[in-house]
Amino acid sequence: MNCKQSTRLLSEALDRPLKGSETLRLRLHLITCRGCRNYKAQMGFLREACSALREKTEKTEKMEDT
């Protein structure tokens, strides 16, 4: 597996469960590739940040409606 395939699978894993073979190949690649491990960590951070922003925005909108 190369980095392009790895990043594609990391993105797809956000939308669907990966097949067993995809998971295995991805894990093996991540063991050896620091760049893809960093990409995975950054995607996780961005996902959490967007979720926190959405929650904060929803709370603010509720407060404004009252």
PDB file of N, CA and C in Angstrom:
ATOM      1  N   MET A   1       0.853  -1.177   0.000  1.00  0.00           N
ATOM      2  CA  MET A   1       0.000   0.000   0.000  1.00  0.00           C
ATOM      3  C   MET A   1       0.891   1.230   0.000  1.00  0.00           C
ATOM      4  N   ASN A   2       0.498   2.214  -0.792  1.00  0.00           N
ATOM      5  CA  ASN A   2       1.254   3.461  -0.797  1.00  0.00           C
ATOM      6  C   ASN A   2       0.472   4.537  -0.020  1.00  0.00           C
ATOM      7  N   CYS A   3       1.064   5.698   0.108  1.00  0.00           N
ATOM      8  CA  CYS A   3       0.458   6.757   0.916  1.00  0.00           C
ATOM      9  C   CYS A   3      -0.858   7.260   0.321  1.00  0.00           C
ATOM     10  N   LYS A   4      -0.953   7.326  -0.992  1.00  0.00           N
ATOM     11  CA  LYS A   4      -2.187   7.781  -1.625  1.00  0.00           C
ATOM     12  C   LYS A   4      -3.332   6.831  -1.278  1.00  0.00           C
ATOM     13  N   GLN A   5      -3.089   5.533  -1.353  1.00  0.00           N
ATOM     14  CA  GLN A   5      -4.111   4.545  -1.005  1.00  0.00           C
ATOM     15  C   GLN A   5      -4.451   4.625   0.476  1.00  0.00           C
ATOM     16  N   SER A   6      -3.437   4.831   1.290  1.00  0.00           N
ATOM     17  CA  SER A   6      -3.636   4.907   2.737  1.00  0.00           C
ATOM     18  C   SER A   6      -4.519   6.094   3.119  1.00  0.00           C
ATOM     19  N   THR A   7      -4.222   7.260   2.584  1.00  0.00           N
ATOM     20  CA  THR A   7      -5.013   8.441   2.927  1.00  0.00           C
ATOM     21  C   THR A   7      -6.441   8.310   2.407  1.00  0.00           C
ATOM     22  N   ARG A   8      -6.621   7.664   1.255  1.00  0.00           N
ATOM     23  CA  ARG A   8      -7.975   7.429   0.738  1.00  0.00           C
ATOM     24  C   ARG A   8      -8.754   6.543   1.706  1.00  0.00           C
ATOM     25  N   LEU A   9      -8.122   5.458   2.192  1.00  0.00           N
ATOM     26  CA  LEU A   9      -8.799   4.570   3.135  1.00  0.00           C
ATOM     27  C   LEU A   9      -9.074   5.256   4.466  1.00  0.00           C
ATOM     28  N   LEU A  10      -8.151   6.081   4.919  1.00  0.00           N
ATOM     29  CA  LEU A  10      -8.382   6.814   6.162  1.00  0.00           C
ATOM     30  C   LEU A  10      -9.603   7.720   6.029  1.00  0.00           C
ATOM     31  N   SER A  11      -9.757   8.344   4.883  1.00  0.00           N
ATOM     32  CA  SER A  11     -10.924   9.197   4.649  1.00  0.00           C
ATOM     33  C   SER A  11     -12.194   8.361   4.540  1.00  0.00           C
ATOM     34  N   GLU A  12     -12.119   7.254   3.833  1.00  0.00           N
ATOM     35  CA  GLU A  12     -13.296   6.397   3.673  1.00  0.00           C
ATOM     36  C   GLU A  12     -13.738   5.808   5.013  1.00  0.00           C
ATOM     37  N   ALA A  13     -12.790   5.565   5.899  1.00  0.00           N
ATOM     38  CA  ALA A  13     -13.115   4.975   7.204  1.00  0.00           C
ATOM     39  C   ALA A  13     -13.996   5.898   8.042  1.00  0.00           C
ATOM     40  N   LEU A  14     -14.024   7.177   7.705  1.00  0.00           N
ATOM     41  CA  LEU A  14     -14.901   8.111   8.404  1.00  0.00           C
ATOM     42  C   LEU A  14     -16.362   7.929   7.994  1.00  0.00           C
ATOM     43  N   ASP A  15     -16.564   7.361   6.804  1.00  0.00           N
ATOM     44  CA  ASP A  15     -17.911   7.229   6.256  1.00  0.00           C
ATOM     45  C   ASP A  15     -18.457   5.804   6.259  1.00  0.00           C
ATOM     46  N   ARG A  16     -17.565   4.828   6.334  1.00  0.00           N
ATOM     47  CA  ARG A  16     -18.012   3.438   6.278  1.00  0.00           C
ATOM     48  C   ARG A  16     -17.018   2.544   7.004  1.00  0.00           C
ATOM     49  N   PRO A  17     -17.488   1.403   7.471  1.00  0.00           N
ATOM     50  CA  PRO A  17     -16.552   0.449   8.075  1.00  0.00           C
ATOM     51  C   PRO A  17     -15.657  -0.148   6.982  1.00  0.00           C
ATOM     52  N   LEU A  18     -14.392  -0.251   7.271  1.00  0.00           N
ATOM     53  CA  LEU A  18     -13.474  -0.854   6.302  1.00  0.00           C
ATOM     54  C   LEU A  18     -13.595  -2.370   6.348  1.00  0.00           C
ATOM     55  N   LYS A  19     -13.311  -2.997   5.219  1.00  0.00           N
ATOM     56  CA  LYS A  19     -13.271  -4.454   5.160  1.00  0.00           C
ATOM     57  C   LYS A  19     -12.049  -4.932   5.941  1.00  0.00           C
ATOM     58  N   GLY A  20     -12.065  -6.174   6.344  1.00  0.00           N
ATOM     59  CA  GLY A  20     -10.951  -6.722   7.115  1.00  0.00           C
ATOM     60  C   GLY A  20      -9.618  -6.595   6.398  1.00  0.00           C
ATOM     61  N   SER A  21      -9.605  -6.872   5.101  1.00  0.00           N
ATOM     62  CA  SER A  21      -8.357  -6.784   4.345  1.00  0.00           C
ATOM     63  C   SER A  21      -7.878  -5.338   4.239  1.00  0.00           C
ATOM     64  N   GLU A  22      -8.811  -4.398   4.113  1.00  0.00           N
ATOM     65  CA  GLU A  22      -8.433  -2.986   4.046  1.00  0.00           C
ATOM     66  C   GLU A  22      -7.842  -2.536   5.378  1.00  0.00           C
ATOM     67  N   THR A  23      -8.471  -2.964   6.459  1.00  0.00           N
ATOM     68  CA  THR A  23      -7.985  -2.599   7.791  1.00  0.00           C
ATOM     69  C   THR A  23      -6.580  -3.132   8.020  1.00  0.00           C
ATOM     70  N   LEU A  24      -6.363  -4.371   7.652  1.00  0.00           N
ATOM     71  CA  LEU A  24      -5.048  -4.982   7.846  1.00  0.00           C
ATOM     72  C   LEU A  24      -3.981  -4.265   7.033  1.00  0.00           C
ATOM     73  N   ARG A  25      -4.264  -4.033   5.751  1.00  0.00           N
ATOM     74  CA  ARG A  25      -3.281  -3.342   4.900  1.00  0.00           C
ATOM     75  C   ARG A  25      -2.999  -1.949   5.418  1.00  0.00           C
ATOM     76  N   LEU A  26      -4.045  -1.257   5.885  1.00  0.00           N
ATOM     77  CA  LEU A  26      -3.871   0.096   6.406  1.00  0.00           C
ATOM     78  C   LEU A  26      -3.025   0.082   7.673  1.00  0.00           C
ATOM     79  N   ARG A  27      -3.317  -0.824   8.578  1.00  0.00           N
ATOM     80  CA  ARG A  27      -2.534  -0.913   9.822  1.00  0.00           C
ATOM     81  C   ARG A  27      -1.063  -1.188   9.534  1.00  0.00           C
ATOM     82  N   LEU A  28      -0.803  -2.098   8.605  1.00  0.00           N
ATOM     83  CA  LEU A  28       0.585  -2.405   8.252  1.00  0.00           C
ATOM     84  C   LEU A  28       1.289  -1.181   7.680  1.00  0.00           C
ATOM     85  N   HIS A  29       0.583  -0.428   6.850  1.00  0.00           N
ATOM     86  CA  HIS A  29       1.186   0.777   6.281  1.00  0.00           C
ATOM     87  C   HIS A  29       1.456   1.814   7.376  1.00  0.00           C
ATOM     88  N   LEU A  30       0.501   1.980   8.277  1.00  0.00           N
ATOM     89  CA  LEU A  30       0.662   2.990   9.331  1.00  0.00           C
ATOM     90  C   LEU A  30       1.825   2.663  10.263  1.00  0.00           C
ATOM     91  N   ILE A  31       2.125   1.386  10.437  1.00  0.00           N
ATOM     92  CA  ILE A  31       3.267   0.994  11.276  1.00  0.00           C
ATOM     93  C   ILE A  31       4.563   1.573  10.712  1.00  0.00           C
ATOM     94  N   THR A  32       4.656   1.615   9.389  1.00  0.00           N
ATOM     95  CA  THR A  32       5.918   2.010   8.763  1.00  0.00           C
ATOM     96  C   THR A  32       5.954   3.444   8.248  1.00  0.00           C
ATOM     97  N   CYS A  33       4.810   4.147   8.246  1.00  0.00           N
ATOM     98  CA  CYS A  33       4.768   5.473   7.622  1.00  0.00           C
ATOM     99  C   CYS A  33       4.362   6.554   8.619  1.00  0.00           C
ATOM    100  N   ARG A  34       5.313   7.345   9.017  1.00  0.00           N
ATOM    101  CA  ARG A  34       5.061   8.432   9.964  1.00  0.00           C
ATOM    102  C   ARG A  34       4.150   9.500   9.361  1.00  0.00           C
ATOM    103  N   GLY A  35       4.311   9.778   8.080  1.00  0.00           N
ATOM    104  CA  GLY A  35       3.488  10.801   7.428  1.00  0.00           C
ATOM    105  C   GLY A  35       2.007  10.452   7.459  1.00  0.00           C
ATOM    106  N   CYS A  36       1.685   9.208   7.202  1.00  0.00           N
ATOM    107  CA  CYS A  36       0.284   8.786   7.225  1.00  0.00           C
ATOM    108  C   CYS A  36      -0.255   8.717   8.654  1.00  0.00           C
ATOM    109  N   ARG A  37       0.604   8.372   9.608  1.00  0.00           N
ATOM    110  CA  ARG A  37       0.173   8.415  11.016  1.00  0.00           C
ATOM    111  C   ARG A  37      -0.150   9.847  11.406  1.00  0.00           C
ATOM    112  N   ASN A  38       0.666  10.787  10.961  1.00  0.00           N
ATOM    113  CA  ASN A  38       0.399  12.201  11.234  1.00  0.00           C
ATOM    114  C   ASN A  38      -0.899  12.649  10.564  1.00  0.00           C
ATOM    115  N   TYR A  39      -1.113  12.212   9.332  1.00  0.00           N
ATOM    116  CA  TYR A  39      -2.350  12.542   8.608  1.00  0.00           C
ATOM    117  C   TYR A  39      -3.561  12.027   9.378  1.00  0.00           C
ATOM    118  N   LYS A  40      -3.482  10.803   9.858  1.00  0.00           N
ATOM    119  CA  LYS A  40      -4.585  10.212  10.628  1.00  0.00           C
ATOM    120  C   LYS A  40      -4.853  11.029  11.897  1.00  0.00           C
ATOM    121  N   ALA A  41      -3.796  11.420  12.584  1.00  0.00           N
ATOM    122  CA  ALA A  41      -3.952  12.208  13.806  1.00  0.00           C
ATOM    123  C   ALA A  41      -4.558  13.576  13.501  1.00  0.00           C
ATOM    124  N   GLN A  42      -4.129  14.193  12.419  1.00  0.00           N
ATOM    125  CA  GLN A  42      -4.666  15.502  12.038  1.00  0.00           C
ATOM    126  C   GLN A  42      -6.139  15.404  11.664  1.00  0.00           C
ATOM    127  N   MET A  43      -6.515  14.342  10.974  1.00  0.00           N
ATOM    128  CA  MET A  43      -7.928  14.142  10.627  1.00  0.00           C
ATOM    129  C   MET A  43      -8.762  13.994  11.892  1.00  0.00           C
ATOM    130  N   GLY A  44      -8.250  13.265  12.863  1.00  0.00           N
ATOM    131  CA  GLY A  44      -8.962  13.106  14.129  1.00  0.00           C
ATOM    132  C   GLY A  44      -9.122  14.422  14.851  1.00  0.00           C
ATOM    133  N   PHE A  45      -8.053  15.214  14.878  1.00  0.00           N
ATOM    134  CA  PHE A  45      -8.109  16.527  15.516  1.00  0.00           C
ATOM    135  C   PHE A  45      -9.139  17.424  14.838  1.00  0.00           C
ATOM    136  N   LEU A  46      -9.121  17.467  13.513  1.00  0.00           N
ATOM    137  CA  LEU A  46     -10.066  18.309  12.778  1.00  0.00           C
ATOM    138  C   LEU A  46     -11.505  17.858  12.999  1.00  0.00           C
ATOM    139  N   ARG A  47     -11.715  16.565  13.059  1.00  0.00           N
ATOM    140  CA  ARG A  47     -13.063  16.049  13.291  1.00  0.00           C
ATOM    141  C   ARG A  47     -13.570  16.485  14.673  1.00  0.00           C
ATOM    142  N   GLU A  48     -12.719  16.377  15.685  1.00  0.00           N
ATOM    143  CA  GLU A  48     -13.101  16.797  17.035  1.00  0.00           C
ATOM    144  C   GLU A  48     -13.334  18.305  17.103  1.00  0.00           C
ATOM    145  N   ALA A  49     -12.476  19.066  16.437  1.00  0.00           N
ATOM    146  CA  ALA A  49     -12.619  20.523  16.450  1.00  0.00           C
ATOM    147  C   ALA A  49     -13.921  20.947  15.771  1.00  0.00           C
ATOM    148  N   CYS A  50     -14.252  20.318  14.662  1.00  0.00           N
ATOM    149  CA  CYS A  50     -15.502  20.651  13.963  1.00  0.00           C
ATOM    150  C   CYS A  50     -16.710  20.272  14.810  1.00  0.00           C
ATOM    151  N   SER A  51     -16.630  19.151  15.472  1.00  0.00           N
ATOM    152  CA  SER A  51     -17.726  18.715  16.332  1.00  0.00           C
ATOM    153  C   SER A  51     -17.931  19.688  17.488  1.00  0.00           C
ATOM    154  N   ALA A  52     -16.825  20.113  18.102  1.00  0.00           N
ATOM    155  CA  ALA A  52     -16.907  21.063  19.217  1.00  0.00           C
ATOM    156  C   ALA A  52     -17.474  22.400  18.744  1.00  0.00           C
ATOM    157  N   LEU A  53     -17.066  22.836  17.564  1.00  0.00           N
ATOM    158  CA  LEU A  53     -17.575  24.096  17.022  1.00  0.00           C
ATOM    159  C   LEU A  53     -19.070  23.995  16.733  1.00  0.00           C
ATOM    160  N   ARG A  54     -19.491  22.867  16.182  1.00  0.00           N
ATOM    161  CA  ARG A  54     -20.911  22.677  15.899  1.00  0.00           C
ATOM    162  C   ARG A  54     -21.723  22.726  17.185  1.00  0.00           C
ATOM    163  N   GLU A  55     -21.243  22.039  18.231  1.00  0.00           N
ATOM    164  CA  GLU A  55     -21.951  22.045  19.512  1.00  0.00           C
ATOM    165  C   GLU A  55     -22.034  23.453  20.097  1.00  0.00           C
ATOM    166  N   LYS A  56     -20.933  24.183  20.016  1.00  0.00           N
ATOM    167  CA  LYS A  56     -20.916  25.544  20.551  1.00  0.00           C
ATOM    168  C   LYS A  56     -21.864  26.444  19.767  1.00  0.00           C
ATOM    169  N   THR A  57     -21.888  26.290  18.453  1.00  0.00           N
ATOM    170  CA  THR A  57     -22.771  27.086  17.614  1.00  0.00           C
ATOM    171  C   THR A  57     -24.226  26.786  17.928  1.00  0.00           C
ATOM    172  N   GLU A  58     -24.552  25.509  18.102  1.00  0.00           N
ATOM    173  CA  GLU A  58     -25.928  25.130  18.423  1.00  0.00           C
ATOM    174  C   GLU A  58     -26.352  25.705  19.769  1.00  0.00           C
ATOM    175  N   LYS A  59     -25.473  25.677  20.754  1.00  0.00           N
ATOM    176  CA  LYS A  59     -25.797  26.251  22.063  1.00  0.00           C
ATOM    177  C   LYS A  59     -26.015  27.753  21.956  1.00  0.00           C
ATOM    178  N   THR A  60     -25.167  28.421  21.205  1.00  0.00           N
ATOM    179  CA  THR A  60     -25.286  29.867  21.026  1.00  0.00           C
ATOM    180  C   THR A  60     -26.596  30.215  20.340  1.00  0.00           C
ATOM    181  N   GLU A  61     -26.956  29.445  19.316  1.00  0.00           N
ATOM    182  CA  GLU A  61     -28.205  29.716  18.604  1.00  0.00           C
ATOM    183  C   GLU A  61     -29.408  29.499  19.516  1.00  0.00           C
ATOM    184  N   LYS A  62     -29.367  28.486  20.367  1.00  0.00           N
ATOM    185  CA  LYS A  62     -30.466  28.252  21.306  1.00  0.00           C
ATOM    186  C   LYS A  62     -30.607  29.386  22.292  1.00  0.00           C
ATOM    187  N   MET A  63     -29.467  29.910  22.756  1.00  0.00           N
ATOM    188  CA  MET A  63     -29.486  31.019  23.706  1.00  0.00           C
ATOM    189  C   MET A  63     -30.063  32.272  23.049  1.00  0.00           C
ATOM    190  N   GLU A  64     -29.746  32.498  21.778  1.00  0.00           N
ATOM    191  CA  GLU A  64     -30.232  33.668  21.070  1.00  0.00           C
ATOM    192  C   GLU A  64     -31.736  33.576  20.819  1.00  0.00           C
ATOM    193  N   ASP A  65     -32.255  32.350  20.672  1.00  0.00           N
ATOM    194  CA  ASP A  65     -33.675  32.164  20.394  1.00  0.00           C
ATOM    195  C   ASP A  65     -34.537  32.398  21.632  1.00  0.00           C
ATOM    196  N   THR A  66     -33.953  32.346  22.800  1.00  0.00           N
ATOM    197  CA  THR A  66     -34.759  32.509  24.027  1.00  0.00           C
ATOM    198  C   THR A  66     -34.842  33.939  24.467  1.00  0.00           C
TER     199      THR A  66
END
